[in-house]
Amino acid sequence: MTGGARPAGAGPADGVLARGAVLSEGSDLVAHLVADAAIKGVIVLVALIVLALGMVLLWKRVGRAEPPRRDDR
């Protein structure tokens, strides 16, 4: 029984190839998750910049008004 033909997929390298395929899929998933986190980070950063600019513009418009005038001169 030692010299018989092996069925396809029963070699010692098949397990290594299967694990490599799983690792490849896992690394693709990690790359996708990292790219997704980077895109979300950029969106949050842009939103914070827009918020800060809006607050500065409002502060300049509302916060630095002239002192009220007295009409009873």
PDB file of N, CA and C in Angstrom:
ATOM      1  N   MET A   1       0.788  -1.183   0.000  1.00  0.00           N
ATOM      2  CA  MET A   1       0.000   0.000   0.000  1.00  0.00           C
ATOM      3  C   MET A   1       0.837   1.257   0.000  1.00  0.00           C
ATOM      4  N   THR A   2       2.125   1.160   0.045  1.00  0.00           N
ATOM      5  CA  THR A   2       2.943   2.356   0.084  1.00  0.00           C
ATOM      6  C   THR A   2       3.224   2.903  -1.304  1.00  0.00           C
ATOM      7  N   GLY A   3       3.097   2.124  -2.328  1.00  0.00           N
ATOM      8  CA  GLY A   3       3.434   2.596  -3.653  1.00  0.00           C
ATOM      9  C   GLY A   3       2.232   2.942  -4.497  1.00  0.00           C
ATOM     10  N   GLY A   4       1.058   3.014  -3.899  1.00  0.00           N
ATOM     11  CA  GLY A   4      -0.150   3.266  -4.672  1.00  0.00           C
ATOM     12  C   GLY A   4      -0.288   4.727  -5.065  1.00  0.00           C
ATOM     13  N   ALA A   5      -1.196   4.962  -5.956  1.00  0.00           N
ATOM     14  CA  ALA A   5      -1.449   6.334  -6.409  1.00  0.00           C
ATOM     15  C   ALA A   5      -2.247   7.084  -5.346  1.00  0.00           C
ATOM     16  N   ARG A   6      -1.859   8.337  -5.132  1.00  0.00           N
ATOM     17  CA  ARG A   6      -2.568   9.159  -4.153  1.00  0.00           C
ATOM     18  C   ARG A   6      -3.703   9.901  -4.841  1.00  0.00           C
ATOM     19  N   PRO A   7      -4.788  10.112  -4.135  1.00  0.00           N
ATOM     20  CA  PRO A   7      -5.858  10.915  -4.728  1.00  0.00           C
ATOM     21  C   PRO A   7      -5.431  12.381  -4.813  1.00  0.00           C
ATOM     22  N   ALA A   8      -6.032  13.097  -5.696  1.00  0.00           N
ATOM     23  CA  ALA A   8      -5.696  14.510  -5.877  1.00  0.00           C
ATOM     24  C   ALA A   8      -6.022  15.275  -4.598  1.00  0.00           C
ATOM     25  N   GLY A   9      -5.121  16.132  -4.190  1.00  0.00           N
ATOM     26  CA  GLY A   9      -5.338  16.945  -3.004  1.00  0.00           C
ATOM     27  C   GLY A   9      -4.899  16.281  -1.722  1.00  0.00           C
ATOM     28  N   ALA A  10      -4.139  15.198  -1.808  1.00  0.00           N
ATOM     29  CA  ALA A  10      -3.725  14.513  -0.588  1.00  0.00           C
ATOM     30  C   ALA A  10      -2.236  14.647  -0.346  1.00  0.00           C
ATOM     31  N   GLY A  11      -1.559  15.518  -1.034  1.00  0.00           N
ATOM     32  CA  GLY A  11      -0.120  15.686  -0.875  1.00  0.00           C
ATOM     33  C   GLY A  11       0.222  16.536   0.329  1.00  0.00           C
ATOM     34  N   PRO A  12       1.466  16.478   0.809  1.00  0.00           N
ATOM     35  CA  PRO A  12       1.852  17.264   1.980  1.00  0.00           C
ATOM     36  C   PRO A  12       1.863  18.760   1.703  1.00  0.00           C
ATOM     37  N   ALA A  13       2.041  19.173   0.467  1.00  0.00           N
ATOM     38  CA  ALA A  13       2.078  20.605   0.150  1.00  0.00           C
ATOM     39  C   ALA A  13       0.682  21.192   0.017  1.00  0.00           C
ATOM     40  N   ASP A  14      -0.334  20.350  -0.075  1.00  0.00           N
ATOM     41  CA  ASP A  14      -1.688  20.867  -0.259  1.00  0.00           C
ATOM     42  C   ASP A  14      -2.168  21.642   0.963  1.00  0.00           C
ATOM     43  N   GLY A  15      -1.816  21.167   2.151  1.00  0.00           N
ATOM     44  CA  GLY A  15      -2.191  21.889   3.363  1.00  0.00           C
ATOM     45  C   GLY A  15      -1.522  23.247   3.438  1.00  0.00           C
ATOM     46  N   VAL A  16      -0.279  23.323   2.994  1.00  0.00           N
ATOM     47  CA  VAL A  16       0.451  24.590   2.984  1.00  0.00           C
ATOM     48  C   VAL A  16      -0.186  25.551   1.997  1.00  0.00           C
ATOM     49  N   LEU A  17      -0.563  25.046   0.834  1.00  0.00           N
ATOM     50  CA  LEU A  17      -1.204  25.907  -0.158  1.00  0.00           C
ATOM     51  C   LEU A  17      -2.554  26.401   0.342  1.00  0.00           C
ATOM     52  N   ALA A  18      -3.295  25.521   1.002  1.00  0.00           N
ATOM     53  CA  ALA A  18      -4.589  25.937   1.519  1.00  0.00           C
ATOM     54  C   ALA A  18      -4.415  27.001   2.603  1.00  0.00           C
ATOM     55  N   ARG A  19      -3.430  26.828   3.486  1.00  0.00           N
ATOM     56  CA  ARG A  19      -3.186  27.846   4.509  1.00  0.00           C
ATOM     57  C   ARG A  19      -2.716  29.150   3.872  1.00  0.00           C
ATOM     58  N   GLY A  20      -1.942  29.070   2.810  1.00  0.00           N
ATOM     59  CA  GLY A  20      -1.509  30.283   2.116  1.00  0.00           C
ATOM     60  C   GLY A  20      -2.677  31.022   1.510  1.00  0.00           C
ATOM     61  N   ALA A  21      -3.641  30.269   0.985  1.00  0.00           N
ATOM     62  CA  ALA A  21      -4.826  30.912   0.417  1.00  0.00           C
ATOM     63  C   ALA A  21      -5.624  31.607   1.510  1.00  0.00           C
ATOM     64  N   VAL A  22      -5.718  30.986   2.670  1.00  0.00           N
ATOM     65  CA  VAL A  22      -6.437  31.606   3.777  1.00  0.00           C
ATOM     66  C   VAL A  22      -5.686  32.844   4.242  1.00  0.00           C
ATOM     67  N   LEU A  23      -4.376  32.771   4.337  1.00  0.00           N
ATOM     68  CA  LEU A  23      -3.591  33.934   4.732  1.00  0.00           C
ATOM     69  C   LEU A  23      -3.720  35.050   3.710  1.00  0.00           C
ATOM     70  N   SER A  24      -3.780  34.693   2.437  1.00  0.00           N
ATOM     71  CA  SER A  24      -3.936  35.694   1.397  1.00  0.00           C
ATOM     72  C   SER A  24      -5.281  36.401   1.540  1.00  0.00           C
ATOM     73  N   GLU A  25      -6.328  35.620   1.799  1.00  0.00           N
ATOM     74  CA  GLU A  25      -7.642  36.223   1.994  1.00  0.00           C
ATOM     75  C   GLU A  25      -7.645  37.078   3.259  1.00  0.00           C
ATOM     76  N   GLY A  26      -6.968  36.615   4.295  1.00  0.00           N
ATOM     77  CA  GLY A  26      -6.901  37.381   5.533  1.00  0.00           C
ATOM     78  C   GLY A  26      -6.149  38.682   5.360  1.00  0.00           C
ATOM     79  N   SER A  27      -5.054  38.649   4.621  1.00  0.00           N
ATOM     80  CA  SER A  27      -4.296  39.878   4.406  1.00  0.00           C
ATOM     81  C   SER A  27      -5.066  40.838   3.504  1.00  0.00           C
ATOM     82  N   ASP A  28      -5.854  40.298   2.572  1.00  0.00           N
ATOM     83  CA  ASP A  28      -6.715  41.159   1.762  1.00  0.00           C
ATOM     84  C   ASP A  28      -7.759  41.841   2.639  1.00  0.00           C
ATOM     85  N   LEU A  29      -8.298  41.078   3.589  1.00  0.00           N
ATOM     86  CA  LEU A  29      -9.286  41.644   4.499  1.00  0.00           C
ATOM     87  C   LEU A  29      -8.661  42.725   5.369  1.00  0.00           C
ATOM     88  N   VAL A  30      -7.465  42.477   5.867  1.00  0.00           N
ATOM     89  CA  VAL A  30      -6.775  43.477   6.699  1.00  0.00           C
ATOM     90  C   VAL A  30      -6.484  44.725   5.873  1.00  0.00           C
ATOM     91  N   ALA A  31      -6.040  44.555   4.654  1.00  0.00           N
ATOM     92  CA  ALA A  31      -5.766  45.711   3.787  1.00  0.00           C
ATOM     93  C   ALA A  31      -7.046  46.499   3.538  1.00  0.00           C
ATOM     94  N   HIS A  32      -8.146  45.799   3.331  1.00  0.00           N
ATOM     95  CA  HIS A  32      -9.428  46.467   3.109  1.00  0.00           C
ATOM     96  C   HIS A  32      -9.848  47.240   4.355  1.00  0.00           C
ATOM     97  N   LEU A  33      -9.693  46.632   5.522  1.00  0.00           N
ATOM     98  CA  LEU A  33     -10.076  47.302   6.760  1.00  0.00           C
ATOM     99  C   LEU A  33      -9.195  48.517   7.047  1.00  0.00           C
ATOM    100  N   VAL A  34      -7.905  48.419   6.747  1.00  0.00           N
ATOM    101  CA  VAL A  34      -7.003  49.557   6.946  1.00  0.00           C
ATOM    102  C   VAL A  34      -7.369  50.695   6.001  1.00  0.00           C
ATOM    103  N   ALA A  35      -7.656  50.366   4.751  1.00  0.00           N
ATOM    104  CA  ALA A  35      -8.059  51.397   3.789  1.00  0.00           C
ATOM    105  C   ALA A  35      -9.377  52.036   4.215  1.00  0.00           C
ATOM    106  N   ASP A  36     -10.311  51.242   4.710  1.00  0.00           N
ATOM    107  CA  ASP A  36     -11.592  51.758   5.165  1.00  0.00           C
ATOM    108  C   ASP A  36     -11.402  52.705   6.354  1.00  0.00           C
ATOM    109  N   ALA A  37     -10.558  52.317   7.295  1.00  0.00           N
ATOM    110  CA  ALA A  37     -10.292  53.173   8.453  1.00  0.00           C
ATOM    111  C   ALA A  37      -9.603  54.469   8.025  1.00  0.00           C
ATOM    112  N   ALA A  38      -8.699  54.391   7.057  1.00  0.00           N
ATOM    113  CA  ALA A  38      -8.008  55.592   6.580  1.00  0.00           C
ATOM    114  C   ALA A  38      -8.989  56.551   5.908  1.00  0.00           C
ATOM    115  N   ILE A  39      -9.900  56.013   5.105  1.00  0.00           N
ATOM    116  CA  ILE A  39     -10.891  56.857   4.433  1.00  0.00           C
ATOM    117  C   ILE A  39     -11.802  57.517   5.465  1.00  0.00           C
ATOM    118  N   LYS A  40     -12.242  56.755   6.450  1.00  0.00           N
ATOM    119  CA  LYS A  40     -13.096  57.334   7.491  1.00  0.00           C
ATOM    120  C   LYS A  40     -12.340  58.387   8.298  1.00  0.00           C
ATOM    121  N   GLY A  41     -11.068  58.162   8.544  1.00  0.00           N
ATOM    122  CA  GLY A  41     -10.259  59.144   9.253  1.00  0.00           C
ATOM    123  C   GLY A  41     -10.145  60.444   8.483  1.00  0.00           C
ATOM    124  N   VAL A  42      -9.956  60.340   7.186  1.00  0.00           N
ATOM    125  CA  VAL A  42      -9.868  61.543   6.344  1.00  0.00           C
ATOM    126  C   VAL A  42     -11.199  62.285   6.352  1.00  0.00           C
ATOM    127  N   ILE A  43     -12.311  61.550   6.292  1.00  0.00           N
ATOM    128  CA  ILE A  43     -13.631  62.192   6.326  1.00  0.00           C
ATOM    129  C   ILE A  43     -13.822  62.939   7.638  1.00  0.00           C
ATOM    130  N   VAL A  44     -13.456  62.328   8.756  1.00  0.00           N
ATOM    131  CA  VAL A  44     -13.597  62.980  10.057  1.00  0.00           C
ATOM    132  C   VAL A  44     -12.692  64.201  10.142  1.00  0.00           C
ATOM    133  N   LEU A  45     -11.474  64.096   9.619  1.00  0.00           N
ATOM    134  CA  LEU A  45     -10.546  65.225   9.642  1.00  0.00           C
ATOM    135  C   LEU A  45     -11.091  66.401   8.840  1.00  0.00           C
ATOM    136  N   VAL A  46     -11.608  66.139   7.661  1.00  0.00           N
ATOM    137  CA  VAL A  46     -12.181  67.203   6.829  1.00  0.00           C
ATOM    138  C   VAL A  46     -13.384  67.821   7.530  1.00  0.00           C
ATOM    139  N   ALA A  47     -14.213  66.992   8.158  1.00  0.00           N
ATOM    140  CA  ALA A  47     -15.381  67.517   8.873  1.00  0.00           C
ATOM    141  C   ALA A  47     -14.947  68.416  10.034  1.00  0.00           C
ATOM    142  N   LEU A  48     -13.899  68.030  10.748  1.00  0.00           N
ATOM    143  CA  LEU A  48     -13.405  68.868  11.838  1.00  0.00           C
ATOM    144  C   LEU A  48     -12.841  70.189  11.334  1.00  0.00           C
ATOM    145  N   ILE A  49     -12.173  70.161  10.197  1.00  0.00           N
ATOM    146  CA  ILE A  49     -11.634  71.402   9.619  1.00  0.00           C
ATOM    147  C   ILE A  49     -12.772  72.328   9.209  1.00  0.00           C
ATOM    148  N   VAL A  50     -13.804  71.765   8.576  1.00  0.00           N
ATOM    149  CA  VAL A  50     -14.962  72.581   8.168  1.00  0.00           C
ATOM    150  C   VAL A  50     -15.661  73.146   9.399  1.00  0.00           C
ATOM    151  N   LEU A  51     -15.798  72.343  10.436  1.00  0.00           N
ATOM    152  CA  LEU A  51     -16.424  72.812  11.672  1.00  0.00           C
ATOM    153  C   LEU A  51     -15.608  73.949  12.295  1.00  0.00           C
ATOM    154  N   ALA A  52     -14.298  73.792  12.336  1.00  0.00           N
ATOM    155  CA  ALA A  52     -13.440  74.827  12.909  1.00  0.00           C
ATOM    156  C   ALA A  52     -13.531  76.123  12.096  1.00  0.00           C
ATOM    157  N   LEU A  53     -13.535  76.009  10.782  1.00  0.00           N
ATOM    158  CA  LEU A  53     -13.655  77.218   9.953  1.00  0.00           C
ATOM    159  C   LEU A  53     -15.000  77.908  10.173  1.00  0.00           C
ATOM    160  N   GLY A  54     -16.043  77.111  10.261  1.00  0.00           N
ATOM    161  CA  GLY A  54     -17.363  77.688  10.522  1.00  0.00           C
ATOM    162  C   GLY A  54     -17.423  78.395  11.866  1.00  0.00           C
ATOM    163  N   MET A  55     -16.813  77.793  12.879  1.00  0.00           N
ATOM    164  CA  MET A  55     -16.808  78.422  14.199  1.00  0.00           C
ATOM    165  C   MET A  55     -16.005  79.716  14.187  1.00  0.00           C
ATOM    166  N   VAL A  56     -14.889  79.734  13.477  1.00  0.00           N
ATOM    167  CA  VAL A  56     -14.075  80.954  13.399  1.00  0.00           C
ATOM    168  C   VAL A  56     -14.844  82.054  12.676  1.00  0.00           C
ATOM    169  N   LEU A  57     -15.508  81.704  11.588  1.00  0.00           N
ATOM    170  CA  LEU A  57     -16.279  82.714  10.862  1.00  0.00           C
ATOM    171  C   LEU A  57     -17.424  83.258  11.707  1.00  0.00           C
ATOM    172  N   LEU A  58     -18.109  82.382  12.419  1.00  0.00           N
ATOM    173  CA  LEU A  58     -19.181  82.855  13.297  1.00  0.00           C
ATOM    174  C   LEU A  58     -18.633  83.716  14.427  1.00  0.00           C
ATOM    175  N   TRP A  59     -17.497  83.334  14.980  1.00  0.00           N
ATOM    176  CA  TRP A  59     -16.900  84.111  16.072  1.00  0.00           C
ATOM    177  C   TRP A  59     -16.536  85.505  15.583  1.00  0.00           C
ATOM    178  N   LYS A  60     -15.983  85.583  14.376  1.00  0.00           N
ATOM    179  CA  LYS A  60     -15.609  86.894  13.839  1.00  0.00           C
ATOM    180  C   LYS A  60     -16.844  87.737  13.551  1.00  0.00           C
ATOM    181  N   ARG A  61     -17.886  87.111  13.047  1.00  0.00           N
ATOM    182  CA  ARG A  61     -19.072  87.872  12.673  1.00  0.00           C
ATOM    183  C   ARG A  61     -19.879  88.284  13.904  1.00  0.00           C
ATOM    184  N   VAL A  62     -20.067  87.400  14.840  1.00  0.00           N
ATOM    185  CA  VAL A  62     -20.933  87.669  15.986  1.00  0.00           C
ATOM    186  C   VAL A  62     -20.141  88.182  17.180  1.00  0.00           C
ATOM    187  N   GLY A  63     -18.989  87.615  17.414  1.00  0.00           N
ATOM    188  CA  GLY A  63     -18.252  87.918  18.630  1.00  0.00           C
ATOM    189  C   GLY A  63     -17.548  89.254  18.635  1.00  0.00           C
ATOM    190  N   ARG A  64     -17.233  89.815  17.515  1.00  0.00           N
ATOM    191  CA  ARG A  64     -16.475  91.068  17.467  1.00  0.00           C
ATOM    192  C   ARG A  64     -17.338  92.218  16.940  1.00  0.00           C
ATOM    193  N   ALA A  65     -18.499  92.321  17.446  1.00  0.00           N
ATOM    194  CA  ALA A  65     -19.379  93.418  17.019  1.00  0.00           C
ATOM    195  C   ALA A  65     -18.940  94.712  17.703  1.00  0.00           C
ATOM    196  N   GLU A  66     -19.341  95.819  17.140  1.00  0.00           N
ATOM    197  CA  GLU A  66     -19.027  97.120  17.739  1.00  0.00           C
ATOM    198  C   GLU A  66     -19.805  97.254  19.044  1.00  0.00           C
ATOM    199  N   PRO A  67     -19.262  98.043  19.968  1.00  0.00           N
ATOM    200  CA  PRO A  67     -20.029  98.249  21.216  1.00  0.00           C
ATOM    201  C   PRO A  67     -21.316  99.000  20.903  1.00  0.00           C
ATOM    202  N   PRO A  68     -22.346  98.779  21.694  1.00  0.00           N
ATOM    203  CA  PRO A  68     -23.618  99.457  21.412  1.00  0.00           C
ATOM    204  C   PRO A  68     -23.479 100.974  21.573  1.00  0.00           C
ATOM    205  N   ARG A  69     -24.144 101.698  20.682  1.00  0.00           N
ATOM    206  CA  ARG A  69     -24.100 103.161  20.739  1.00  0.00           C
ATOM    207  C   ARG A  69     -25.176 103.702  21.657  1.00  0.00           C
ATOM    208  N   ARG A  70     -24.826 104.772  22.286  1.00  0.00           N
ATOM    209  CA  ARG A  70     -25.812 105.441  23.130  1.00  0.00           C
ATOM    210  C   ARG A  70     -26.445 106.568  22.317  1.00  0.00           C
ATOM    211  N   ASP A  71     -27.748 106.591  22.253  1.00  0.00           N
ATOM    212  CA  ASP A  71     -28.450 107.606  21.466  1.00  0.00           C
ATOM    213  C   ASP A  71     -28.745 108.874  22.253  1.00  0.00           C
ATOM    214  N   ASP A  72     -28.489 108.889  23.532  1.00  0.00           N
ATOM    215  CA  ASP A  72     -28.822 110.063  24.359  1.00  0.00           C
ATOM    216  C   ASP A  72     -27.618 111.003  24.527  1.00  0.00           C
ATOM    217  N   ARG A  73     -26.935 111.332  23.495  1.00  0.00           N
ATOM    218  CA  ARG A  73     -25.786 112.225  23.584  1.00  0.00           C
ATOM    219  C   ARG A  73     -26.171 113.615  23.841  1.00  0.00           C
TER     220      ARG A  73
END
